[in-house]
Amino acid sequence: YTLYGFKLTGSCAIEAALAEAGASYDFVPVNTKAGETRTEAFRKINPRQQVLVLVLPDGTTVTEGPAILTHIADAHPATGLSPLPGTAKRARHDRWLAFFHANIYEGELRQLFPQRYVGDPACADAAKRAADAYVERHFRIFEEELREAPYFFGGDLAILDIYVWMLAQWMPMDWMKANCPRIANLADAVARRPLIAPVHAHHFG
């Protein structure tokens, strides 16, 4: 594998999943702050000109976090990082993985970079406030769904848990602990895993 990413971007979930899968990979840092995704060379890798990107051993390029995570889990079934395809458990898993990608990941981008979503810079503060309310609402929805511990399926880590761990780090942890304690505990359990702890320390330590 070759992973294109950068610190504090969505690539950290992929790094964690690859670590859990025991998969070796080359990491290519793409400095998003320095505009390295905006080069013509990177556009040929990903037309959207954003990280993250995973190139598979056969040269296939995959973008979008949930698609990459799902591939890693399916390509390394012995890890048990996702339920078996075609089962109700897998459908439930994928429902919430899509929920986080479509709502919380996108909403957190609006929180972090509200100026990108408005035509008038004077509207950026209002856009951020709306994003804050939107993201908090969706975290609370999942908090009500989370019944087992330490992970979504109890004792079995899944790529959904890794994705939730990453997205929880982009929120004020005081808010998470006060309003979504089960999610906060899940994220903490993922962060403490021996193979993921170094990834957590690199990105969030």
N, C-alpha and C. Protein backbone atom coordinates (compact mmCIF):
# COMPACT_ATOMS: atom_id res chain seq x y z
N TYR A 1 0.82 -1.19 0.00
CA TYR A 1 0.00 0.00 0.00
C TYR A 1 0.87 1.26 0.00
N THR A 2 0.31 2.32 -0.58
CA THR A 2 0.90 3.65 -0.44
C THR A 2 -0.20 4.59 0.04
N LEU A 3 0.05 5.25 1.16
CA LEU A 3 -0.94 6.14 1.74
C LEU A 3 -0.46 7.57 1.64
N TYR A 4 -1.27 8.41 1.00
CA TYR A 4 -1.02 9.84 0.93
C TYR A 4 -1.86 10.50 2.02
N GLY A 5 -1.21 11.22 2.92
CA GLY A 5 -1.94 11.85 4.01
C GLY A 5 -1.11 12.91 4.69
N PHE A 6 -1.61 13.36 5.82
CA PHE A 6 -0.90 14.39 6.57
C PHE A 6 -1.42 14.38 7.99
N LYS A 7 -0.63 14.93 8.89
CA LYS A 7 -0.99 14.95 10.30
C LYS A 7 -2.30 15.70 10.52
N LEU A 8 -3.14 15.11 11.38
CA LEU A 8 -4.43 15.68 11.77
C LEU A 8 -5.47 15.69 10.65
N THR A 9 -5.22 14.93 9.59
CA THR A 9 -6.22 14.77 8.54
C THR A 9 -6.86 13.39 8.68
N GLY A 10 -7.77 13.09 7.79
CA GLY A 10 -8.47 11.81 7.82
C GLY A 10 -7.58 10.61 7.62
N SER A 11 -6.34 10.83 7.24
CA SER A 11 -5.45 9.69 7.04
C SER A 11 -5.14 8.98 8.35
N CYS A 12 -5.36 9.63 9.49
CA CYS A 12 -5.01 8.98 10.76
C CYS A 12 -5.85 7.73 10.99
N ALA A 13 -7.12 7.73 10.56
CA ALA A 13 -7.95 6.53 10.72
C ALA A 13 -7.42 5.39 9.86
N ILE A 14 -6.91 5.73 8.68
CA ILE A 14 -6.35 4.70 7.81
C ILE A 14 -5.07 4.14 8.41
N GLU A 15 -4.24 5.01 8.96
CA GLU A 15 -3.02 4.55 9.62
C GLU A 15 -3.37 3.58 10.75
N ALA A 16 -4.39 3.91 11.53
CA ALA A 16 -4.80 3.06 12.64
C ALA A 16 -5.31 1.70 12.14
N ALA A 17 -6.12 1.72 11.09
CA ALA A 17 -6.66 0.47 10.55
C ALA A 17 -5.56 -0.40 9.97
N LEU A 18 -4.62 0.20 9.25
CA LEU A 18 -3.50 -0.56 8.70
C LEU A 18 -2.65 -1.15 9.82
N ALA A 19 -2.49 -0.41 10.90
CA ALA A 19 -1.74 -0.93 12.04
C ALA A 19 -2.43 -2.14 12.64
N GLU A 20 -3.74 -2.04 12.83
CA GLU A 20 -4.49 -3.17 13.38
C GLU A 20 -4.47 -4.37 12.45
N ALA A 21 -4.44 -4.11 11.15
CA ALA A 21 -4.42 -5.20 10.17
C ALA A 21 -3.03 -5.81 10.00
N GLY A 22 -2.02 -5.15 10.56
CA GLY A 22 -0.66 -5.64 10.39
C GLY A 22 -0.14 -5.47 8.98
N ALA A 23 -0.68 -4.48 8.27
CA ALA A 23 -0.32 -4.28 6.86
C ALA A 23 0.79 -3.24 6.75
N SER A 24 1.80 -3.54 5.98
CA SER A 24 2.88 -2.59 5.75
C SER A 24 2.46 -1.61 4.65
N TYR A 25 2.98 -0.39 4.71
CA TYR A 25 2.64 0.61 3.71
C TYR A 25 3.70 1.70 3.69
N ASP A 26 3.77 2.38 2.56
CA ASP A 26 4.61 3.56 2.44
C ASP A 26 3.73 4.79 2.68
N PHE A 27 4.21 5.70 3.51
CA PHE A 27 3.46 6.92 3.79
C PHE A 27 4.08 8.08 3.03
N VAL A 28 3.25 8.77 2.25
CA VAL A 28 3.70 9.94 1.51
C VAL A 28 3.04 11.17 2.11
N PRO A 29 3.78 12.00 2.85
CA PRO A 29 3.17 13.19 3.43
C PRO A 29 2.83 14.23 2.36
N VAL A 30 1.62 14.73 2.43
CA VAL A 30 1.16 15.78 1.51
C VAL A 30 0.73 16.95 2.39
N ASN A 31 1.54 17.98 2.42
CA ASN A 31 1.30 19.10 3.33
C ASN A 31 0.11 19.93 2.85
N THR A 32 -1.03 19.69 3.47
CA THR A 32 -2.25 20.40 3.07
C THR A 32 -2.15 21.89 3.38
N LYS A 33 -1.44 22.24 4.46
CA LYS A 33 -1.31 23.64 4.84
C LYS A 33 -0.44 24.42 3.85
N ALA A 34 0.48 23.73 3.19
CA ALA A 34 1.37 24.37 2.21
C ALA A 34 0.81 24.30 0.79
N GLY A 35 -0.41 23.78 0.65
CA GLY A 35 -1.03 23.74 -0.67
C GLY A 35 -0.54 22.62 -1.56
N GLU A 36 0.06 21.58 -0.99
CA GLU A 36 0.62 20.52 -1.83
C GLU A 36 -0.45 19.66 -2.51
N THR A 37 -1.69 19.72 -2.02
CA THR A 37 -2.74 19.00 -2.72
C THR A 37 -3.20 19.73 -3.98
N ARG A 38 -2.82 20.99 -4.11
CA ARG A 38 -3.28 21.81 -5.23
C ARG A 38 -2.35 21.75 -6.45
N THR A 39 -1.36 20.89 -6.40
CA THR A 39 -0.44 20.78 -7.53
C THR A 39 -1.04 19.93 -8.64
N GLU A 40 -0.55 20.10 -9.83
CA GLU A 40 -1.01 19.29 -10.96
C GLU A 40 -0.64 17.83 -10.75
N ALA A 41 0.52 17.59 -10.16
CA ALA A 41 0.94 16.21 -9.91
C ALA A 41 -0.04 15.50 -8.98
N PHE A 42 -0.50 16.20 -7.93
CA PHE A 42 -1.43 15.54 -7.01
C PHE A 42 -2.83 15.44 -7.62
N ARG A 43 -3.19 16.37 -8.47
CA ARG A 43 -4.49 16.27 -9.13
C ARG A 43 -4.61 14.98 -9.93
N LYS A 44 -3.50 14.52 -10.48
CA LYS A 44 -3.51 13.26 -11.24
C LYS A 44 -3.71 12.06 -10.33
N ILE A 45 -3.35 12.21 -9.05
CA ILE A 45 -3.56 11.14 -8.08
C ILE A 45 -5.00 11.16 -7.59
N ASN A 46 -5.50 12.35 -7.26
CA ASN A 46 -6.88 12.51 -6.81
C ASN A 46 -7.45 13.78 -7.41
N PRO A 47 -8.38 13.67 -8.35
CA PRO A 47 -8.94 14.86 -9.01
C PRO A 47 -9.57 15.85 -8.04
N ARG A 48 -10.00 15.39 -6.87
CA ARG A 48 -10.56 16.30 -5.88
C ARG A 48 -9.47 17.09 -5.16
N GLN A 49 -8.24 16.68 -5.36
CA GLN A 49 -7.08 17.38 -4.79
C GLN A 49 -7.18 17.52 -3.27
N GLN A 50 -7.41 16.38 -2.64
CA GLN A 50 -7.44 16.32 -1.19
C GLN A 50 -6.92 14.97 -0.72
N VAL A 51 -6.34 14.95 0.47
CA VAL A 51 -6.02 13.69 1.12
C VAL A 51 -7.27 13.27 1.87
N LEU A 52 -7.50 12.00 2.02
CA LEU A 52 -6.52 10.95 1.94
C LEU A 52 -6.69 10.10 0.68
N VAL A 53 -5.60 9.41 0.30
CA VAL A 53 -5.59 8.53 -0.86
C VAL A 53 -4.81 7.28 -0.49
N LEU A 54 -5.36 6.12 -0.82
CA LEU A 54 -4.64 4.86 -0.65
C LEU A 54 -4.49 4.20 -2.01
N VAL A 55 -3.25 3.89 -2.36
CA VAL A 55 -2.97 3.16 -3.59
C VAL A 55 -2.73 1.70 -3.21
N LEU A 56 -3.51 0.81 -3.79
CA LEU A 56 -3.42 -0.61 -3.46
C LEU A 56 -2.21 -1.24 -4.13
N PRO A 57 -1.81 -2.42 -3.70
CA PRO A 57 -0.64 -3.07 -4.29
C PRO A 57 -0.72 -3.25 -5.80
N ASP A 58 -1.93 -3.38 -6.35
CA ASP A 58 -2.06 -3.55 -7.80
C ASP A 58 -2.14 -2.23 -8.55
N GLY A 59 -1.99 -1.11 -7.82
CA GLY A 59 -2.01 0.20 -8.45
C GLY A 59 -3.35 0.89 -8.43
N THR A 60 -4.40 0.23 -7.94
CA THR A 60 -5.72 0.85 -7.85
C THR A 60 -5.70 1.97 -6.82
N THR A 61 -6.27 3.11 -7.20
CA THR A 61 -6.35 4.26 -6.29
C THR A 61 -7.74 4.30 -5.64
N VAL A 62 -7.75 4.43 -4.33
CA VAL A 62 -9.00 4.50 -3.59
C VAL A 62 -8.99 5.78 -2.75
N THR A 63 -10.08 6.53 -2.82
CA THR A 63 -10.26 7.70 -1.97
C THR A 63 -11.52 7.50 -1.13
N GLU A 64 -11.79 8.42 -0.24
CA GLU A 64 -12.94 8.43 0.67
C GLU A 64 -12.70 7.44 1.81
N GLY A 65 -12.63 7.98 3.01
CA GLY A 65 -12.27 7.21 4.19
C GLY A 65 -13.02 5.91 4.39
N PRO A 66 -14.38 5.92 4.38
CA PRO A 66 -15.10 4.67 4.60
C PRO A 66 -14.80 3.60 3.55
N ALA A 67 -14.61 4.01 2.30
CA ALA A 67 -14.28 3.03 1.26
C ALA A 67 -12.92 2.40 1.52
N ILE A 68 -11.96 3.22 1.94
CA ILE A 68 -10.62 2.70 2.24
C ILE A 68 -10.67 1.79 3.46
N LEU A 69 -11.34 2.23 4.50
CA LEU A 69 -11.43 1.41 5.72
C LEU A 69 -12.11 0.08 5.44
N THR A 70 -13.19 0.10 4.68
CA THR A 70 -13.90 -1.13 4.36
C THR A 70 -13.01 -2.07 3.56
N HIS A 71 -12.26 -1.52 2.63
CA HIS A 71 -11.35 -2.38 1.85
C HIS A 71 -10.31 -3.03 2.75
N ILE A 72 -9.72 -2.25 3.66
CA ILE A 72 -8.71 -2.82 4.55
C ILE A 72 -9.30 -3.96 5.37
N ALA A 73 -10.49 -3.75 5.90
CA ALA A 73 -11.13 -4.80 6.70
C ALA A 73 -11.41 -6.04 5.86
N ASP A 74 -11.94 -5.85 4.65
CA ASP A 74 -12.29 -7.00 3.81
C ASP A 74 -11.05 -7.70 3.27
N ALA A 75 -9.97 -6.94 3.05
CA ALA A 75 -8.74 -7.54 2.53
C ALA A 75 -7.96 -8.29 3.60
N HIS A 76 -8.30 -8.04 4.87
CA HIS A 76 -7.64 -8.71 5.99
C HIS A 76 -8.70 -9.28 6.92
N PRO A 77 -9.46 -10.27 6.44
CA PRO A 77 -10.61 -10.76 7.21
C PRO A 77 -10.24 -11.37 8.56
N ALA A 78 -9.02 -11.87 8.69
CA ALA A 78 -8.62 -12.49 9.96
C ALA A 78 -8.61 -11.49 11.11
N THR A 79 -8.52 -10.21 10.79
CA THR A 79 -8.51 -9.18 11.84
C THR A 79 -9.88 -8.98 12.47
N GLY A 80 -10.94 -9.37 11.74
CA GLY A 80 -12.29 -9.16 12.25
C GLY A 80 -12.68 -7.70 12.39
N LEU A 81 -12.10 -6.84 11.54
CA LEU A 81 -12.36 -5.40 11.65
C LEU A 81 -13.72 -4.98 11.12
N SER A 82 -14.43 -5.88 10.50
CA SER A 82 -15.82 -5.59 10.13
C SER A 82 -16.59 -6.90 10.09
N PRO A 83 -17.90 -6.83 10.32
CA PRO A 83 -18.71 -8.05 10.25
C PRO A 83 -18.73 -8.61 8.83
N LEU A 84 -19.15 -9.84 8.70
CA LEU A 84 -19.16 -10.49 7.39
C LEU A 84 -20.13 -9.80 6.44
N PRO A 85 -19.73 -9.60 5.18
CA PRO A 85 -20.65 -9.00 4.20
C PRO A 85 -21.92 -9.82 4.07
N GLY A 86 -23.03 -9.14 3.89
CA GLY A 86 -24.31 -9.80 3.70
C GLY A 86 -25.06 -10.09 4.98
N THR A 87 -24.45 -9.84 6.13
CA THR A 87 -25.12 -10.08 7.40
C THR A 87 -25.82 -8.82 7.89
N ALA A 88 -26.79 -9.00 8.75
CA ALA A 88 -27.48 -7.85 9.33
C ALA A 88 -26.51 -7.02 10.17
N LYS A 89 -25.56 -7.69 10.81
CA LYS A 89 -24.57 -6.97 11.62
C LYS A 89 -23.72 -6.06 10.74
N ARG A 90 -23.37 -6.54 9.54
CA ARG A 90 -22.59 -5.71 8.61
C ARG A 90 -23.43 -4.52 8.14
N ALA A 91 -24.70 -4.76 7.87
CA ALA A 91 -25.57 -3.67 7.43
C ALA A 91 -25.67 -2.59 8.51
N ARG A 92 -25.78 -3.04 9.75
CA ARG A 92 -25.85 -2.08 10.86
C ARG A 92 -24.53 -1.31 10.97
N HIS A 93 -23.44 -2.01 10.86
CA HIS A 93 -22.11 -1.37 10.90
C HIS A 93 -21.98 -0.33 9.80
N ASP A 94 -22.31 -0.72 8.57
CA ASP A 94 -22.12 0.19 7.44
C ASP A 94 -23.07 1.37 7.48
N ARG A 95 -24.25 1.16 8.05
CA ARG A 95 -25.19 2.27 8.22
C ARG A 95 -24.53 3.39 9.01
N TRP A 96 -23.91 3.05 10.14
CA TRP A 96 -23.34 4.08 11.00
C TRP A 96 -22.03 4.62 10.46
N LEU A 97 -21.30 3.80 9.73
CA LEU A 97 -20.09 4.32 9.07
C LEU A 97 -20.48 5.39 8.06
N ALA A 98 -21.52 5.12 7.28
CA ALA A 98 -22.00 6.11 6.31
C ALA A 98 -22.57 7.33 7.01
N PHE A 99 -23.26 7.12 8.12
CA PHE A 99 -23.83 8.21 8.92
C PHE A 99 -22.73 9.18 9.35
N PHE A 100 -21.63 8.64 9.86
CA PHE A 100 -20.54 9.50 10.33
C PHE A 100 -19.87 10.23 9.17
N HIS A 101 -19.71 9.56 8.06
CA HIS A 101 -19.04 10.20 6.92
C HIS A 101 -19.90 11.31 6.33
N ALA A 102 -21.19 11.03 6.15
CA ALA A 102 -22.08 11.99 5.49
C ALA A 102 -22.42 13.17 6.38
N ASN A 103 -22.48 12.96 7.67
CA ASN A 103 -22.96 14.01 8.56
C ASN A 103 -21.85 14.62 9.42
N ILE A 104 -21.20 13.80 10.21
CA ILE A 104 -20.25 14.35 11.17
C ILE A 104 -18.94 14.75 10.52
N TYR A 105 -18.39 13.92 9.64
CA TYR A 105 -17.14 14.31 8.98
C TYR A 105 -17.33 15.61 8.20
N GLU A 106 -18.39 15.65 7.42
CA GLU A 106 -18.66 16.85 6.62
C GLU A 106 -18.97 18.04 7.52
N GLY A 107 -19.72 17.79 8.58
CA GLY A 107 -20.06 18.88 9.50
C GLY A 107 -18.84 19.42 10.22
N GLU A 108 -17.92 18.55 10.59
CA GLU A 108 -16.72 19.01 11.27
C GLU A 108 -15.83 19.84 10.34
N LEU A 109 -15.86 19.53 9.06
CA LEU A 109 -15.13 20.38 8.11
C LEU A 109 -15.72 21.78 8.09
N ARG A 110 -17.04 21.88 8.18
CA ARG A 110 -17.68 23.20 8.24
C ARG A 110 -17.36 23.92 9.53
N GLN A 111 -17.19 23.16 10.62
CA GLN A 111 -16.77 23.78 11.88
C GLN A 111 -15.36 24.34 11.77
N LEU A 112 -14.47 23.55 11.19
CA LEU A 112 -13.05 23.91 11.14
C LEU A 112 -12.75 24.98 10.09
N PHE A 113 -13.48 24.91 8.96
CA PHE A 113 -13.19 25.80 7.84
C PHE A 113 -14.47 26.46 7.32
N PRO A 114 -15.19 27.19 8.17
CA PRO A 114 -16.48 27.75 7.73
C PRO A 114 -16.35 28.70 6.56
N GLN A 115 -15.20 29.35 6.42
CA GLN A 115 -15.00 30.31 5.34
C GLN A 115 -15.06 29.66 3.96
N ARG A 116 -14.84 28.36 3.91
CA ARG A 116 -14.88 27.66 2.63
C ARG A 116 -16.32 27.44 2.13
N TYR A 117 -17.27 27.62 3.03
CA TYR A 117 -18.66 27.25 2.71
C TYR A 117 -19.56 28.46 2.53
N VAL A 118 -18.99 29.64 2.50
CA VAL A 118 -19.80 30.84 2.36
C VAL A 118 -19.21 31.73 1.27
N GLY A 119 -20.09 32.48 0.62
CA GLY A 119 -19.62 33.41 -0.39
C GLY A 119 -19.16 34.73 0.20
N ASP A 120 -19.67 35.04 1.38
CA ASP A 120 -19.33 36.29 2.05
C ASP A 120 -18.59 35.96 3.35
N PRO A 121 -17.35 36.39 3.51
CA PRO A 121 -16.60 36.08 4.73
C PRO A 121 -17.32 36.51 6.01
N ALA A 122 -18.16 37.52 5.91
CA ALA A 122 -18.89 37.98 7.09
C ALA A 122 -19.86 36.91 7.60
N CYS A 123 -20.17 35.92 6.78
CA CYS A 123 -21.12 34.87 7.17
C CYS A 123 -20.43 33.67 7.80
N ALA A 124 -19.11 33.68 7.88
CA ALA A 124 -18.38 32.51 8.36
C ALA A 124 -18.74 32.15 9.79
N ASP A 125 -18.88 33.13 10.66
CA ASP A 125 -19.21 32.84 12.05
C ASP A 125 -20.58 32.18 12.17
N ALA A 126 -21.53 32.66 11.39
CA ALA A 126 -22.87 32.05 11.41
C ALA A 126 -22.83 30.63 10.87
N ALA A 127 -22.02 30.40 9.85
CA ALA A 127 -21.88 29.05 9.29
C ALA A 127 -21.28 28.11 10.32
N LYS A 128 -20.32 28.60 11.08
CA LYS A 128 -19.71 27.75 12.12
C LYS A 128 -20.71 27.43 13.21
N ARG A 129 -21.50 28.39 13.63
CA ARG A 129 -22.49 28.13 14.67
C ARG A 129 -23.50 27.09 14.21
N ALA A 130 -23.91 27.19 12.96
CA ALA A 130 -24.84 26.19 12.42
C ALA A 130 -24.20 24.82 12.37
N ALA A 131 -22.92 24.78 11.98
CA ALA A 131 -22.21 23.51 11.93
C ALA A 131 -22.04 22.90 13.32
N ASP A 132 -21.75 23.74 14.30
CA ASP A 132 -21.63 23.25 15.69
C ASP A 132 -22.90 22.54 16.12
N ALA A 133 -24.04 23.18 15.89
CA ALA A 133 -25.32 22.59 16.30
C ALA A 133 -25.59 21.30 15.53
N TYR A 134 -25.26 21.30 14.24
CA TYR A 134 -25.50 20.14 13.39
C TYR A 134 -24.67 18.94 13.85
N VAL A 135 -23.39 19.16 14.08
CA VAL A 135 -22.50 18.07 14.48
C VAL A 135 -22.89 17.55 15.86
N GLU A 136 -23.15 18.45 16.79
CA GLU A 136 -23.53 18.02 18.14
C GLU A 136 -24.80 17.18 18.11
N ARG A 137 -25.77 17.57 17.29
CA ARG A 137 -27.01 16.81 17.17
C ARG A 137 -26.73 15.39 16.70
N HIS A 138 -25.85 15.24 15.71
CA HIS A 138 -25.60 13.92 15.16
C HIS A 138 -24.75 13.06 16.09
N PHE A 139 -23.84 13.66 16.84
CA PHE A 139 -23.14 12.87 17.86
C PHE A 139 -24.13 12.34 18.89
N ARG A 140 -25.09 13.18 19.28
CA ARG A 140 -26.07 12.74 20.28
C ARG A 140 -26.93 11.59 19.75
N ILE A 141 -27.24 11.62 18.46
CA ILE A 141 -28.02 10.53 17.87
C ILE A 141 -27.27 9.21 18.03
N PHE A 142 -25.98 9.21 17.73
CA PHE A 142 -25.20 7.98 17.86
C PHE A 142 -25.01 7.60 19.32
N GLU A 143 -24.89 8.57 20.19
CA GLU A 143 -24.76 8.28 21.62
C GLU A 143 -25.93 7.43 22.10
N GLU A 144 -27.13 7.72 21.61
CA GLU A 144 -28.31 6.96 22.00
C GLU A 144 -28.29 5.54 21.44
N GLU A 145 -27.62 5.36 20.32
CA GLU A 145 -27.54 4.04 19.67
C GLU A 145 -26.48 3.16 20.33
N LEU A 146 -25.50 3.78 20.97
CA LEU A 146 -24.35 3.06 21.51
C LEU A 146 -24.74 2.42 22.84
N ARG A 147 -24.84 1.09 22.85
CA ARG A 147 -25.33 0.39 24.02
C ARG A 147 -24.27 -0.51 24.67
N GLU A 148 -23.29 -0.93 23.89
CA GLU A 148 -22.30 -1.85 24.41
C GLU A 148 -20.99 -1.12 24.68
N ALA A 149 -20.06 -1.82 25.28
CA ALA A 149 -18.76 -1.24 25.60
C ALA A 149 -17.71 -2.36 25.54
N PRO A 150 -16.46 -2.06 25.26
CA PRO A 150 -15.97 -0.70 25.02
C PRO A 150 -16.22 -0.19 23.61
N TYR A 151 -16.60 -1.13 22.68
CA TYR A 151 -16.77 -0.75 21.28
C TYR A 151 -18.23 -0.90 20.86
N PHE A 152 -18.51 -0.54 19.62
CA PHE A 152 -19.89 -0.58 19.14
C PHE A 152 -20.48 -1.98 19.25
N PHE A 153 -19.68 -3.00 18.96
CA PHE A 153 -20.13 -4.38 19.07
C PHE A 153 -19.59 -5.05 20.33
N GLY A 154 -19.38 -4.31 21.36
CA GLY A 154 -18.89 -4.89 22.60
C GLY A 154 -17.38 -5.01 22.59
N GLY A 155 -16.90 -6.24 22.67
CA GLY A 155 -15.46 -6.46 22.77
C GLY A 155 -14.73 -6.52 21.46
N ASP A 156 -15.44 -6.45 20.34
CA ASP A 156 -14.82 -6.61 19.02
C ASP A 156 -14.62 -5.25 18.36
N LEU A 157 -13.36 -4.86 18.17
CA LEU A 157 -13.06 -3.62 17.47
C LEU A 157 -13.47 -3.72 16.01
N ALA A 158 -14.09 -2.65 15.49
CA ALA A 158 -14.45 -2.57 14.08
C ALA A 158 -13.94 -1.25 13.51
N ILE A 159 -13.89 -1.18 12.19
CA ILE A 159 -13.43 0.06 11.58
C ILE A 159 -14.35 1.23 11.92
N LEU A 160 -15.61 0.94 12.21
CA LEU A 160 -16.51 2.01 12.67
C LEU A 160 -15.95 2.65 13.94
N ASP A 161 -15.46 1.84 14.86
CA ASP A 161 -14.90 2.38 16.10
C ASP A 161 -13.69 3.27 15.82
N ILE A 162 -12.86 2.86 14.87
CA ILE A 162 -11.69 3.66 14.50
C ILE A 162 -12.13 5.00 13.93
N TYR A 163 -13.15 4.98 13.09
CA TYR A 163 -13.64 6.22 12.48
C TYR A 163 -14.22 7.15 13.55
N VAL A 164 -14.99 6.58 14.47
CA VAL A 164 -15.57 7.38 15.56
C VAL A 164 -14.46 7.97 16.44
N TRP A 165 -13.46 7.16 16.75
CA TRP A 165 -12.31 7.65 17.54
C TRP A 165 -11.70 8.89 16.89
N MET A 166 -11.44 8.83 15.59
CA MET A 166 -10.83 9.96 14.91
C MET A 166 -11.73 11.20 14.98
N LEU A 167 -12.99 11.04 14.65
CA LEU A 167 -13.89 12.20 14.59
C LEU A 167 -14.14 12.78 15.97
N ALA A 168 -14.10 11.95 16.99
CA ALA A 168 -14.28 12.46 18.35
C ALA A 168 -13.12 13.37 18.76
N GLN A 169 -11.92 13.10 18.22
CA GLN A 169 -10.76 13.92 18.56
C GLN A 169 -10.88 15.35 18.03
N TRP A 170 -11.69 15.54 17.02
CA TRP A 170 -11.84 16.86 16.41
C TRP A 170 -12.91 17.70 17.11
N MET A 171 -13.45 17.16 18.19
CA MET A 171 -14.42 17.88 19.01
C MET A 171 -13.77 18.28 20.33
N PRO A 172 -14.28 19.34 20.98
CA PRO A 172 -13.80 19.64 22.34
C PRO A 172 -14.09 18.46 23.25
N MET A 173 -13.06 17.87 23.85
CA MET A 173 -13.26 16.66 24.64
C MET A 173 -14.11 16.92 25.88
N ASP A 174 -14.07 18.11 26.42
CA ASP A 174 -14.95 18.43 27.55
C ASP A 174 -16.41 18.29 27.15
N TRP A 175 -16.73 18.76 25.92
CA TRP A 175 -18.11 18.64 25.45
C TRP A 175 -18.47 17.17 25.25
N MET A 176 -17.55 16.39 24.66
CA MET A 176 -17.83 14.98 24.42
C MET A 176 -18.12 14.25 25.72
N LYS A 177 -17.28 14.48 26.73
CA LYS A 177 -17.44 13.77 28.00
C LYS A 177 -18.73 14.16 28.71
N ALA A 178 -19.12 15.42 28.58
CA ALA A 178 -20.33 15.90 29.25
C ALA A 178 -21.60 15.47 28.53
N ASN A 179 -21.56 15.43 27.21
CA ASN A 179 -22.77 15.19 26.42
C ASN A 179 -22.85 13.81 25.77
N CYS A 180 -21.70 13.22 25.49
CA CYS A 180 -21.67 11.91 24.84
C CYS A 180 -20.63 11.03 25.53
N PRO A 181 -20.87 10.70 26.80
CA PRO A 181 -19.85 9.96 27.56
C PRO A 181 -19.56 8.58 27.00
N ARG A 182 -20.55 7.93 26.41
CA ARG A 182 -20.30 6.60 25.84
C ARG A 182 -19.37 6.69 24.63
N ILE A 183 -19.57 7.72 23.81
CA ILE A 183 -18.67 7.92 22.66
C ILE A 183 -17.28 8.27 23.16
N ALA A 184 -17.19 9.12 24.17
CA ALA A 184 -15.89 9.49 24.72
C ALA A 184 -15.15 8.26 25.24
N ASN A 185 -15.88 7.36 25.90
CA ASN A 185 -15.26 6.14 26.42
C ASN A 185 -14.81 5.23 25.28
N LEU A 186 -15.63 5.13 24.23
CA LEU A 186 -15.24 4.33 23.06
C LEU A 186 -13.95 4.88 22.44
N ALA A 187 -13.92 6.18 22.24
CA ALA A 187 -12.75 6.80 21.63
C ALA A 187 -11.51 6.58 22.48
N ASP A 188 -11.68 6.64 23.79
CA ASP A 188 -10.55 6.43 24.68
C ASP A 188 -10.06 4.99 24.61
N ALA A 189 -10.99 4.04 24.50
CA ALA A 189 -10.61 2.63 24.40
C ALA A 189 -9.83 2.36 23.11
N VAL A 190 -10.25 2.98 22.02
CA VAL A 190 -9.52 2.83 20.76
C VAL A 190 -8.13 3.43 20.89
N ALA A 191 -8.04 4.62 21.47
CA ALA A 191 -6.76 5.31 21.59
C ALA A 191 -5.75 4.52 22.42
N ARG A 192 -6.23 3.70 23.35
CA ARG A 192 -5.34 2.95 24.23
C ARG A 192 -4.86 1.63 23.63
N ARG A 193 -5.43 1.22 22.50
CA ARG A 193 -5.01 -0.06 21.92
C ARG A 193 -3.51 0.01 21.56
N PRO A 194 -2.77 -1.03 21.85
CA PRO A 194 -1.31 -0.98 21.66
C PRO A 194 -0.88 -0.60 20.25
N LEU A 195 -1.60 -1.07 19.24
CA LEU A 195 -1.20 -0.78 17.86
C LEU A 195 -1.64 0.61 17.40
N ILE A 196 -2.67 1.13 18.05
CA ILE A 196 -3.20 2.44 17.66
C ILE A 196 -2.61 3.56 18.49
N ALA A 197 -2.19 3.26 19.70
CA ALA A 197 -1.66 4.30 20.60
C ALA A 197 -0.57 5.16 19.96
N PRO A 198 0.39 4.58 19.20
CA PRO A 198 1.38 5.44 18.56
C PRO A 198 0.78 6.37 17.52
N VAL A 199 -0.25 5.91 16.80
CA VAL A 199 -0.93 6.75 15.83
C VAL A 199 -1.62 7.89 16.54
N HIS A 200 -2.30 7.58 17.64
CA HIS A 200 -2.98 8.61 18.42
C HIS A 200 -1.99 9.64 18.94
N ALA A 201 -0.86 9.18 19.45
CA ALA A 201 0.13 10.10 19.99
C ALA A 201 0.69 11.01 18.90
N HIS A 202 0.89 10.47 17.71
CA HIS A 202 1.44 11.27 16.62
C HIS A 202 0.48 12.37 16.21
N HIS A 203 -0.79 12.03 16.09
CA HIS A 203 -1.76 12.99 15.58
C HIS A 203 -2.35 13.88 16.67
N PHE A 204 -2.56 13.34 17.85
CA PHE A 204 -3.33 14.07 18.86
C PHE A 204 -2.60 14.25 20.18
N GLY A 205 -1.39 13.72 20.28
CA GLY A 205 -0.65 13.78 21.54
C GLY A 205 -0.10 15.15 21.83
